[in-house]
Amino acid sequence: MKPFEQPGAGAWGAIEAFTLPQDGLLPNNPALPVIVYTGALRNQPERTEQIFNDNGWLNSWVSGVFSYHHYHSNAHEVLGVMSGTASLQLGGDAGRTLEVSAGDVLVLPAGTAHKLLQSSAGFRVAGAYPGGADYNTRRATPEDLAAALPEIAEVPLPDSDPVYGKAGPLPEAWGR
């Protein structure tokens, strides 16, 4: 991962961005980077879902992460670790593995494959979508890839950052 390149990024804490190329039948996102906020909510991980909701990322849930590659082609997704630790694989088998813990936040642009590799007992994440978008769940199949590619291109950019709101770094990082 490379450091997030934005003037004043230090005010936001440790933020990193990286893009993931298509991996076989997993499209990832050709235009938008994954954004990782390491420890952004470490002082209040139990409030993760509420913080997302307060910043306009709705249709939220609290659970785990599927243990198979999947992605959402019609919505961007934010995942915030509320408790525990885990190894998550992003982008498919040739992608990146991240070690995450309570307080970490990942913003996954539409099409970004993700899966749980392993986790500690009690691992929980909150997930949400900009504006409460309904989301699909796609897998690594030729049919899903064919349907996903045009959908990914049509997903609108979010109006706000899921952690920092309108003044946060995400809209600028994604060209808003």
N, C-alpha and C. Protein backbone atom coordinates (compact mmCIF):
# COMPACT_ATOMS: atom_id res chain seq x y z
N MET A 1 0.84 -1.18 0.00
CA MET A 1 0.00 0.00 0.00
C MET A 1 0.87 1.23 0.00
N LYS A 2 0.40 2.28 -0.59
CA LYS A 2 1.14 3.52 -0.56
C LYS A 2 0.39 4.52 0.30
N PRO A 3 1.11 5.44 0.93
CA PRO A 3 0.43 6.45 1.75
C PRO A 3 -0.52 7.26 0.89
N PHE A 4 -1.60 7.66 1.49
CA PHE A 4 -2.57 8.52 0.82
C PHE A 4 -1.93 9.86 0.55
N GLU A 5 -1.97 10.29 -0.69
CA GLU A 5 -1.30 11.52 -1.09
C GLU A 5 -2.30 12.68 -1.07
N GLN A 6 -2.35 13.37 0.04
CA GLN A 6 -3.22 14.54 0.12
C GLN A 6 -2.61 15.52 1.09
N PRO A 7 -2.55 16.81 0.73
CA PRO A 7 -2.05 17.79 1.67
C PRO A 7 -2.85 17.72 2.97
N GLY A 8 -2.16 17.69 4.09
CA GLY A 8 -2.83 17.65 5.38
C GLY A 8 -3.37 16.29 5.76
N ALA A 9 -3.00 15.25 5.04
CA ALA A 9 -3.54 13.93 5.34
C ALA A 9 -3.24 13.50 6.75
N GLY A 10 -2.17 14.03 7.35
CA GLY A 10 -1.83 13.68 8.72
C GLY A 10 -2.96 13.98 9.69
N ALA A 11 -3.77 14.99 9.39
CA ALA A 11 -4.90 15.33 10.26
C ALA A 11 -5.92 14.20 10.32
N TRP A 12 -5.93 13.35 9.32
CA TRP A 12 -6.88 12.26 9.26
C TRP A 12 -6.33 10.98 9.88
N GLY A 13 -5.07 10.98 10.27
CA GLY A 13 -4.46 9.75 10.77
C GLY A 13 -3.85 8.97 9.62
N ALA A 14 -3.62 7.68 9.84
CA ALA A 14 -2.98 6.84 8.83
C ALA A 14 -4.00 6.42 7.78
N ILE A 15 -3.87 6.98 6.60
CA ILE A 15 -4.77 6.65 5.49
C ILE A 15 -3.91 6.17 4.33
N GLU A 16 -4.29 5.03 3.77
CA GLU A 16 -3.58 4.49 2.62
C GLU A 16 -4.57 4.18 1.51
N ALA A 17 -4.08 4.24 0.29
CA ALA A 17 -4.92 3.98 -0.88
C ALA A 17 -4.17 3.07 -1.84
N PHE A 18 -4.91 2.17 -2.47
CA PHE A 18 -4.30 1.32 -3.50
C PHE A 18 -5.39 0.83 -4.44
N THR A 19 -5.00 0.59 -5.68
CA THR A 19 -5.93 0.05 -6.66
C THR A 19 -5.61 -1.43 -6.86
N LEU A 20 -6.60 -2.15 -7.30
CA LEU A 20 -6.48 -3.58 -7.53
C LEU A 20 -6.90 -3.90 -8.96
N PRO A 21 -6.04 -4.54 -9.72
CA PRO A 21 -6.43 -4.91 -11.09
C PRO A 21 -7.42 -6.07 -11.08
N GLN A 22 -8.10 -6.24 -12.19
CA GLN A 22 -9.00 -7.38 -12.33
C GLN A 22 -8.21 -8.66 -12.07
N ASP A 23 -8.84 -9.60 -11.36
CA ASP A 23 -8.21 -10.89 -11.04
C ASP A 23 -9.13 -11.99 -11.57
N GLY A 24 -8.89 -12.42 -12.80
CA GLY A 24 -9.73 -13.46 -13.40
C GLY A 24 -11.16 -12.99 -13.49
N LEU A 25 -12.06 -13.65 -12.78
CA LEU A 25 -13.49 -13.34 -12.82
C LEU A 25 -13.91 -12.31 -11.78
N LEU A 26 -12.94 -11.73 -11.08
CA LEU A 26 -13.23 -10.70 -10.08
C LEU A 26 -12.82 -9.34 -10.66
N PRO A 27 -13.79 -8.43 -10.86
CA PRO A 27 -13.49 -7.20 -11.60
C PRO A 27 -12.66 -6.17 -10.84
N ASN A 28 -12.85 -6.07 -9.53
CA ASN A 28 -12.29 -4.98 -8.74
C ASN A 28 -12.75 -3.66 -9.35
N ASN A 29 -12.09 -2.57 -9.10
CA ASN A 29 -12.55 -1.30 -9.66
C ASN A 29 -11.40 -0.66 -10.42
N PRO A 30 -11.58 -0.46 -11.73
CA PRO A 30 -10.48 0.07 -12.54
C PRO A 30 -10.18 1.55 -12.30
N ALA A 31 -11.10 2.28 -11.68
CA ALA A 31 -10.95 3.73 -11.57
C ALA A 31 -10.72 4.24 -10.15
N LEU A 32 -11.25 3.54 -9.15
CA LEU A 32 -11.22 4.07 -7.78
C LEU A 32 -10.38 3.19 -6.87
N PRO A 33 -9.57 3.80 -6.00
CA PRO A 33 -8.76 3.02 -5.08
C PRO A 33 -9.54 2.59 -3.84
N VAL A 34 -9.09 1.49 -3.25
CA VAL A 34 -9.50 1.12 -1.91
C VAL A 34 -8.85 2.13 -0.97
N ILE A 35 -9.58 2.55 0.05
CA ILE A 35 -9.03 3.48 1.05
C ILE A 35 -9.06 2.76 2.40
N VAL A 36 -7.93 2.74 3.10
CA VAL A 36 -7.82 2.10 4.42
C VAL A 36 -7.47 3.16 5.45
N TYR A 37 -8.32 3.30 6.45
CA TYR A 37 -8.12 4.22 7.56
C TYR A 37 -7.68 3.37 8.75
N THR A 38 -6.40 3.26 8.98
CA THR A 38 -5.90 2.43 10.07
C THR A 38 -6.14 3.13 11.40
N GLY A 39 -6.90 2.46 12.26
CA GLY A 39 -7.14 2.97 13.61
C GLY A 39 -8.01 4.20 13.70
N ALA A 40 -8.72 4.56 12.65
CA ALA A 40 -9.51 5.80 12.65
C ALA A 40 -10.54 5.84 13.77
N LEU A 41 -11.10 4.69 14.12
CA LEU A 41 -12.14 4.65 15.16
C LEU A 41 -11.68 3.83 16.37
N ARG A 42 -10.38 3.74 16.59
CA ARG A 42 -9.86 2.89 17.68
C ARG A 42 -10.34 3.33 19.05
N ASN A 43 -10.68 4.61 19.23
CA ASN A 43 -11.15 5.08 20.53
C ASN A 43 -12.65 4.89 20.72
N GLN A 44 -13.34 4.48 19.67
CA GLN A 44 -14.79 4.30 19.77
C GLN A 44 -15.30 3.26 18.78
N PRO A 45 -14.69 2.08 18.71
CA PRO A 45 -15.11 1.09 17.71
C PRO A 45 -16.55 0.64 17.87
N GLU A 46 -17.07 0.70 19.08
CA GLU A 46 -18.46 0.29 19.30
C GLU A 46 -19.45 1.25 18.64
N ARG A 47 -19.02 2.44 18.28
CA ARG A 47 -19.88 3.44 17.63
C ARG A 47 -19.75 3.43 16.11
N THR A 48 -19.01 2.49 15.56
CA THR A 48 -18.72 2.47 14.13
C THR A 48 -19.97 2.58 13.26
N GLU A 49 -20.95 1.72 13.51
CA GLU A 49 -22.16 1.75 12.69
C GLU A 49 -22.85 3.10 12.77
N GLN A 50 -22.95 3.68 13.96
CA GLN A 50 -23.62 4.97 14.13
C GLN A 50 -22.86 6.09 13.42
N ILE A 51 -21.54 6.04 13.48
CA ILE A 51 -20.73 7.05 12.79
C ILE A 51 -20.97 6.98 11.28
N PHE A 52 -20.98 5.78 10.73
CA PHE A 52 -21.27 5.63 9.30
C PHE A 52 -22.64 6.22 8.98
N ASN A 53 -23.65 5.84 9.77
CA ASN A 53 -25.01 6.33 9.54
C ASN A 53 -25.09 7.86 9.63
N ASP A 54 -24.42 8.43 10.64
CA ASP A 54 -24.42 9.89 10.81
C ASP A 54 -23.81 10.60 9.60
N ASN A 55 -22.94 9.91 8.87
CA ASN A 55 -22.27 10.50 7.71
C ASN A 55 -22.90 10.09 6.38
N GLY A 56 -24.14 9.57 6.44
CA GLY A 56 -24.89 9.28 5.23
C GLY A 56 -24.62 7.93 4.60
N TRP A 57 -23.88 7.06 5.29
CA TRP A 57 -23.65 5.69 4.82
C TRP A 57 -24.62 4.82 5.62
N LEU A 58 -25.66 4.35 4.94
CA LEU A 58 -26.80 3.72 5.60
C LEU A 58 -26.97 2.27 5.13
N ASN A 59 -28.18 1.73 5.34
CA ASN A 59 -28.48 0.33 5.02
C ASN A 59 -27.42 -0.56 5.68
N SER A 60 -27.13 -0.23 6.93
CA SER A 60 -26.00 -0.83 7.63
C SER A 60 -26.37 -2.15 8.29
N TRP A 61 -25.34 -2.88 8.65
CA TRP A 61 -25.46 -4.17 9.31
C TRP A 61 -24.22 -4.40 10.17
N VAL A 62 -24.32 -5.33 11.12
CA VAL A 62 -23.17 -5.74 11.93
C VAL A 62 -23.11 -7.26 11.88
N SER A 63 -21.95 -7.78 11.49
CA SER A 63 -21.77 -9.23 11.37
C SER A 63 -20.29 -9.51 11.14
N GLY A 64 -20.01 -10.48 10.27
CA GLY A 64 -18.64 -10.81 9.88
C GLY A 64 -18.47 -10.57 8.40
N VAL A 65 -17.47 -11.19 7.81
CA VAL A 65 -17.20 -11.09 6.38
C VAL A 65 -17.23 -12.51 5.83
N PHE A 66 -17.87 -12.70 4.68
CA PHE A 66 -17.94 -14.03 4.07
C PHE A 66 -16.55 -14.60 3.86
N SER A 67 -16.44 -15.91 3.96
CA SER A 67 -15.14 -16.59 3.79
C SER A 67 -14.92 -17.04 2.35
N TYR A 68 -15.54 -16.37 1.41
CA TYR A 68 -15.34 -16.62 -0.02
C TYR A 68 -15.27 -15.27 -0.73
N HIS A 69 -14.60 -15.24 -1.88
CA HIS A 69 -14.50 -14.01 -2.66
C HIS A 69 -15.90 -13.58 -3.09
N HIS A 70 -16.23 -12.34 -2.82
CA HIS A 70 -17.49 -11.76 -3.27
C HIS A 70 -17.27 -10.26 -3.44
N TYR A 71 -18.23 -9.62 -4.11
CA TYR A 71 -18.16 -8.19 -4.32
C TYR A 71 -19.55 -7.65 -4.60
N HIS A 72 -19.65 -6.34 -4.57
CA HIS A 72 -20.92 -5.65 -4.83
C HIS A 72 -20.69 -4.77 -6.05
N SER A 73 -21.40 -5.04 -7.12
CA SER A 73 -21.17 -4.30 -8.36
C SER A 73 -22.05 -3.06 -8.50
N ASN A 74 -23.02 -2.92 -7.62
CA ASN A 74 -23.94 -1.79 -7.73
C ASN A 74 -23.86 -0.81 -6.57
N ALA A 75 -22.85 -0.95 -5.70
CA ALA A 75 -22.70 -0.04 -4.56
C ALA A 75 -21.28 -0.09 -4.02
N HIS A 76 -20.82 1.05 -3.54
CA HIS A 76 -19.58 1.11 -2.77
C HIS A 76 -19.92 0.62 -1.36
N GLU A 77 -18.92 0.13 -0.64
CA GLU A 77 -19.15 -0.41 0.70
C GLU A 77 -18.07 0.08 1.65
N VAL A 78 -18.47 0.37 2.89
CA VAL A 78 -17.50 0.64 3.94
C VAL A 78 -17.60 -0.48 4.97
N LEU A 79 -16.45 -0.95 5.43
CA LEU A 79 -16.37 -1.96 6.49
C LEU A 79 -15.58 -1.36 7.63
N GLY A 80 -16.13 -1.40 8.82
CA GLY A 80 -15.44 -0.90 10.01
C GLY A 80 -15.34 -2.01 11.04
N VAL A 81 -14.13 -2.28 11.50
CA VAL A 81 -13.93 -3.34 12.48
C VAL A 81 -14.36 -2.84 13.86
N MET A 82 -15.36 -3.50 14.42
CA MET A 82 -15.88 -3.12 15.73
C MET A 82 -15.19 -3.87 16.87
N SER A 83 -14.80 -5.12 16.60
CA SER A 83 -14.11 -5.90 17.64
C SER A 83 -13.30 -7.01 17.00
N GLY A 84 -12.26 -7.42 17.69
CA GLY A 84 -11.44 -8.53 17.22
C GLY A 84 -10.44 -8.13 16.15
N THR A 85 -9.83 -9.16 15.57
CA THR A 85 -8.84 -8.98 14.51
C THR A 85 -9.14 -9.97 13.40
N ALA A 86 -8.61 -9.70 12.21
CA ALA A 86 -8.82 -10.62 11.10
C ALA A 86 -7.79 -10.38 10.01
N SER A 87 -7.66 -11.39 9.16
CA SER A 87 -6.94 -11.27 7.90
C SER A 87 -8.00 -11.25 6.81
N LEU A 88 -8.00 -10.18 6.03
CA LEU A 88 -8.94 -10.05 4.92
C LEU A 88 -8.15 -10.02 3.63
N GLN A 89 -8.66 -10.71 2.62
CA GLN A 89 -8.04 -10.68 1.31
C GLN A 89 -8.89 -9.81 0.41
N LEU A 90 -8.26 -8.82 -0.20
CA LEU A 90 -8.94 -7.91 -1.11
C LEU A 90 -8.43 -8.12 -2.52
N GLY A 91 -9.34 -8.13 -3.47
CA GLY A 91 -8.95 -8.16 -4.87
C GLY A 91 -8.79 -9.52 -5.50
N GLY A 92 -9.04 -10.60 -4.77
CA GLY A 92 -8.89 -11.95 -5.32
C GLY A 92 -7.60 -12.59 -4.86
N ASP A 93 -7.32 -13.78 -5.39
CA ASP A 93 -6.14 -14.54 -4.97
C ASP A 93 -4.83 -13.80 -5.23
N ALA A 94 -4.79 -12.96 -6.26
CA ALA A 94 -3.59 -12.19 -6.57
C ALA A 94 -3.61 -10.81 -5.92
N GLY A 95 -4.62 -10.55 -5.08
CA GLY A 95 -4.78 -9.24 -4.46
C GLY A 95 -3.90 -9.03 -3.25
N ARG A 96 -4.42 -8.32 -2.28
CA ARG A 96 -3.67 -7.97 -1.08
C ARG A 96 -4.35 -8.56 0.15
N THR A 97 -3.52 -8.96 1.11
CA THR A 97 -4.03 -9.42 2.39
C THR A 97 -3.75 -8.34 3.42
N LEU A 98 -4.77 -7.97 4.17
CA LEU A 98 -4.65 -6.94 5.20
C LEU A 98 -4.95 -7.56 6.57
N GLU A 99 -4.17 -7.16 7.55
CA GLU A 99 -4.44 -7.51 8.93
C GLU A 99 -5.20 -6.33 9.52
N VAL A 100 -6.43 -6.56 9.99
CA VAL A 100 -7.26 -5.48 10.50
C VAL A 100 -7.61 -5.75 11.96
N SER A 101 -7.89 -4.67 12.68
CA SER A 101 -8.27 -4.78 14.08
C SER A 101 -9.27 -3.69 14.43
N ALA A 102 -9.85 -3.78 15.62
CA ALA A 102 -10.88 -2.84 16.05
C ALA A 102 -10.43 -1.40 15.82
N GLY A 103 -11.29 -0.64 15.17
CA GLY A 103 -11.02 0.75 14.85
C GLY A 103 -10.59 1.00 13.43
N ASP A 104 -10.22 -0.05 12.69
CA ASP A 104 -9.82 0.10 11.29
C ASP A 104 -11.07 0.20 10.40
N VAL A 105 -10.95 0.98 9.33
CA VAL A 105 -12.05 1.19 8.39
C VAL A 105 -11.51 1.00 6.97
N LEU A 106 -12.27 0.26 6.14
CA LEU A 106 -11.91 0.05 4.75
C LEU A 106 -13.06 0.52 3.87
N VAL A 107 -12.76 1.36 2.90
CA VAL A 107 -13.76 1.78 1.92
C VAL A 107 -13.46 1.04 0.63
N LEU A 108 -14.41 0.22 0.21
CA LEU A 108 -14.26 -0.63 -0.97
C LEU A 108 -15.10 -0.08 -2.12
N PRO A 109 -14.46 0.39 -3.18
CA PRO A 109 -15.26 0.85 -4.32
C PRO A 109 -15.99 -0.33 -4.96
N ALA A 110 -17.10 -0.04 -5.59
CA ALA A 110 -17.91 -1.07 -6.24
C ALA A 110 -17.01 -1.98 -7.07
N GLY A 111 -17.24 -3.29 -6.96
CA GLY A 111 -16.49 -4.27 -7.72
C GLY A 111 -15.31 -4.88 -6.98
N THR A 112 -14.95 -4.33 -5.82
CA THR A 112 -13.78 -4.81 -5.09
C THR A 112 -14.08 -6.13 -4.38
N ALA A 113 -13.38 -7.17 -4.79
CA ALA A 113 -13.56 -8.49 -4.17
C ALA A 113 -12.96 -8.48 -2.77
N HIS A 114 -13.62 -9.17 -1.85
CA HIS A 114 -13.13 -9.29 -0.49
C HIS A 114 -13.58 -10.60 0.12
N LYS A 115 -12.74 -11.11 1.03
CA LYS A 115 -13.07 -12.35 1.72
C LYS A 115 -12.30 -12.44 3.02
N LEU A 116 -12.88 -13.15 3.98
CA LEU A 116 -12.24 -13.40 5.27
C LEU A 116 -11.32 -14.61 5.14
N LEU A 117 -10.06 -14.46 5.55
CA LEU A 117 -9.14 -15.59 5.58
C LEU A 117 -9.14 -16.25 6.96
N GLN A 118 -9.05 -15.43 8.01
CA GLN A 118 -9.12 -15.93 9.38
C GLN A 118 -9.45 -14.78 10.29
N SER A 119 -9.98 -15.11 11.48
CA SER A 119 -10.33 -14.06 12.44
C SER A 119 -10.22 -14.57 13.85
N SER A 120 -10.13 -13.63 14.77
CA SER A 120 -10.15 -13.96 16.18
C SER A 120 -11.60 -14.19 16.61
N ALA A 121 -11.75 -14.79 17.78
CA ALA A 121 -13.09 -14.93 18.35
C ALA A 121 -13.65 -13.52 18.58
N GLY A 122 -14.90 -13.34 18.30
CA GLY A 122 -15.54 -12.05 18.52
C GLY A 122 -15.31 -11.02 17.44
N PHE A 123 -14.74 -11.43 16.31
CA PHE A 123 -14.54 -10.48 15.21
C PHE A 123 -15.89 -10.03 14.68
N ARG A 124 -16.08 -8.70 14.65
CA ARG A 124 -17.32 -8.12 14.11
C ARG A 124 -16.99 -6.88 13.30
N VAL A 125 -17.70 -6.72 12.21
CA VAL A 125 -17.58 -5.51 11.41
C VAL A 125 -18.97 -4.90 11.21
N ALA A 126 -18.97 -3.59 11.01
CA ALA A 126 -20.16 -2.89 10.55
C ALA A 126 -19.95 -2.58 9.08
N GLY A 127 -20.98 -2.77 8.29
CA GLY A 127 -20.93 -2.44 6.88
C GLY A 127 -22.03 -1.44 6.56
N ALA A 128 -21.80 -0.58 5.57
CA ALA A 128 -22.81 0.40 5.16
C ALA A 128 -22.52 0.85 3.74
N TYR A 129 -23.48 1.58 3.16
CA TYR A 129 -23.45 1.95 1.75
C TYR A 129 -23.88 3.41 1.60
N PRO A 130 -23.25 4.17 0.70
CA PRO A 130 -23.59 5.59 0.56
C PRO A 130 -25.07 5.79 0.25
N GLY A 131 -25.69 6.66 1.03
CA GLY A 131 -27.09 6.97 0.82
C GLY A 131 -28.02 5.80 1.08
N GLY A 132 -27.53 4.73 1.68
CA GLY A 132 -28.36 3.56 1.97
C GLY A 132 -28.63 2.71 0.75
N ALA A 133 -27.74 2.75 -0.22
CA ALA A 133 -27.93 1.99 -1.46
C ALA A 133 -28.19 0.52 -1.17
N ASP A 134 -29.09 -0.05 -1.96
CA ASP A 134 -29.26 -1.50 -1.94
C ASP A 134 -28.06 -2.09 -2.65
N TYR A 135 -27.63 -3.24 -2.21
CA TYR A 135 -26.44 -3.84 -2.79
C TYR A 135 -26.71 -5.27 -3.20
N ASN A 136 -26.01 -5.70 -4.23
CA ASN A 136 -26.07 -7.10 -4.64
C ASN A 136 -24.83 -7.81 -4.10
N THR A 137 -24.80 -9.11 -4.21
CA THR A 137 -23.61 -9.87 -3.84
C THR A 137 -23.27 -10.77 -5.02
N ARG A 138 -22.11 -10.52 -5.59
CA ARG A 138 -21.67 -11.28 -6.76
C ARG A 138 -20.44 -12.10 -6.41
N ARG A 139 -20.24 -13.16 -7.20
CA ARG A 139 -19.11 -14.07 -6.99
C ARG A 139 -18.32 -14.21 -8.28
N ALA A 140 -17.26 -14.99 -8.23
CA ALA A 140 -16.36 -15.17 -9.37
C ALA A 140 -16.94 -16.16 -10.38
N THR A 141 -17.93 -15.69 -11.15
CA THR A 141 -18.51 -16.50 -12.22
C THR A 141 -18.52 -15.67 -13.49
N PRO A 142 -18.47 -16.32 -14.65
CA PRO A 142 -18.53 -15.55 -15.91
C PRO A 142 -19.80 -14.71 -16.02
N GLU A 143 -20.92 -15.26 -15.56
CA GLU A 143 -22.19 -14.54 -15.64
C GLU A 143 -22.17 -13.29 -14.77
N ASP A 144 -21.66 -13.42 -13.54
CA ASP A 144 -21.60 -12.26 -12.66
C ASP A 144 -20.65 -11.21 -13.20
N LEU A 145 -19.51 -11.61 -13.74
CA LEU A 145 -18.56 -10.65 -14.29
C LEU A 145 -19.19 -9.88 -15.45
N ALA A 146 -19.86 -10.56 -16.35
CA ALA A 146 -20.49 -9.91 -17.50
C ALA A 146 -21.53 -8.88 -17.06
N ALA A 147 -22.31 -9.23 -16.03
CA ALA A 147 -23.32 -8.29 -15.53
C ALA A 147 -22.68 -7.16 -14.73
N ALA A 148 -21.59 -7.43 -14.05
CA ALA A 148 -20.99 -6.47 -13.13
C ALA A 148 -20.28 -5.32 -13.82
N LEU A 149 -19.58 -5.60 -14.90
CA LEU A 149 -18.74 -4.56 -15.52
C LEU A 149 -19.52 -3.29 -15.87
N PRO A 150 -20.67 -3.38 -16.53
CA PRO A 150 -21.39 -2.14 -16.81
C PRO A 150 -22.00 -1.51 -15.54
N GLU A 151 -22.36 -2.33 -14.57
CA GLU A 151 -22.93 -1.80 -13.32
C GLU A 151 -21.90 -0.97 -12.55
N ILE A 152 -20.68 -1.47 -12.45
CA ILE A 152 -19.64 -0.77 -11.70
C ILE A 152 -19.44 0.64 -12.23
N ALA A 153 -19.43 0.78 -13.54
CA ALA A 153 -19.22 2.08 -14.17
C ALA A 153 -20.33 3.08 -13.86
N GLU A 154 -21.50 2.60 -13.48
CA GLU A 154 -22.66 3.46 -13.24
C GLU A 154 -22.86 3.84 -11.78
N VAL A 155 -22.08 3.28 -10.86
CA VAL A 155 -22.28 3.57 -9.44
C VAL A 155 -21.85 5.01 -9.16
N PRO A 156 -22.76 5.82 -8.59
CA PRO A 156 -22.40 7.22 -8.33
C PRO A 156 -21.38 7.34 -7.20
N LEU A 157 -20.61 8.41 -7.25
CA LEU A 157 -19.66 8.70 -6.18
C LEU A 157 -20.42 9.14 -4.93
N PRO A 158 -19.92 8.78 -3.76
CA PRO A 158 -20.60 9.20 -2.52
C PRO A 158 -20.45 10.70 -2.29
N ASP A 159 -21.41 11.27 -1.57
CA ASP A 159 -21.37 12.69 -1.23
C ASP A 159 -20.51 12.98 -0.01
N SER A 160 -20.21 11.94 0.77
CA SER A 160 -19.48 12.17 2.01
C SER A 160 -18.57 11.00 2.32
N ASP A 161 -17.65 11.27 3.22
CA ASP A 161 -16.73 10.27 3.74
C ASP A 161 -17.45 9.53 4.87
N PRO A 162 -17.36 8.21 4.96
CA PRO A 162 -18.11 7.48 5.99
C PRO A 162 -17.62 7.74 7.41
N VAL A 163 -16.39 8.19 7.57
CA VAL A 163 -15.83 8.45 8.90
C VAL A 163 -15.86 9.94 9.23
N TYR A 164 -15.49 10.79 8.27
CA TYR A 164 -15.29 12.21 8.54
C TYR A 164 -16.36 13.12 7.94
N GLY A 165 -17.33 12.58 7.23
CA GLY A 165 -18.42 13.39 6.68
C GLY A 165 -18.02 14.19 5.46
N LYS A 166 -18.68 15.31 5.27
CA LYS A 166 -18.49 16.14 4.07
C LYS A 166 -17.06 16.67 3.95
N ALA A 167 -16.41 16.89 5.08
CA ALA A 167 -15.06 17.46 5.05
C ALA A 167 -13.98 16.39 4.96
N GLY A 168 -14.34 15.14 4.91
CA GLY A 168 -13.36 14.05 4.91
C GLY A 168 -12.62 13.91 3.60
N PRO A 169 -11.61 13.06 3.59
CA PRO A 169 -10.76 12.92 2.41
C PRO A 169 -11.33 12.07 1.27
N LEU A 170 -12.32 11.24 1.53
CA LEU A 170 -12.79 10.32 0.49
C LEU A 170 -13.31 11.01 -0.77
N PRO A 171 -14.21 12.00 -0.65
CA PRO A 171 -14.71 12.62 -1.90
C PRO A 171 -13.59 13.17 -2.78
N GLU A 172 -12.58 13.77 -2.17
CA GLU A 172 -11.46 14.29 -2.97
C GLU A 172 -10.63 13.16 -3.55
N ALA A 173 -10.39 12.11 -2.75
CA ALA A 173 -9.58 10.98 -3.23
C ALA A 173 -10.24 10.29 -4.42
N TRP A 174 -11.58 10.30 -4.44
CA TRP A 174 -12.30 9.67 -5.53
C TRP A 174 -12.74 10.66 -6.60
N GLY A 175 -12.23 11.89 -6.54
CA GLY A 175 -12.49 12.85 -7.62
C GLY A 175 -13.83 13.53 -7.55
N ARG A 176 -14.36 13.69 -6.38
CA ARG A 176 -15.66 14.37 -6.22
C ARG A 176 -15.45 15.84 -6.20
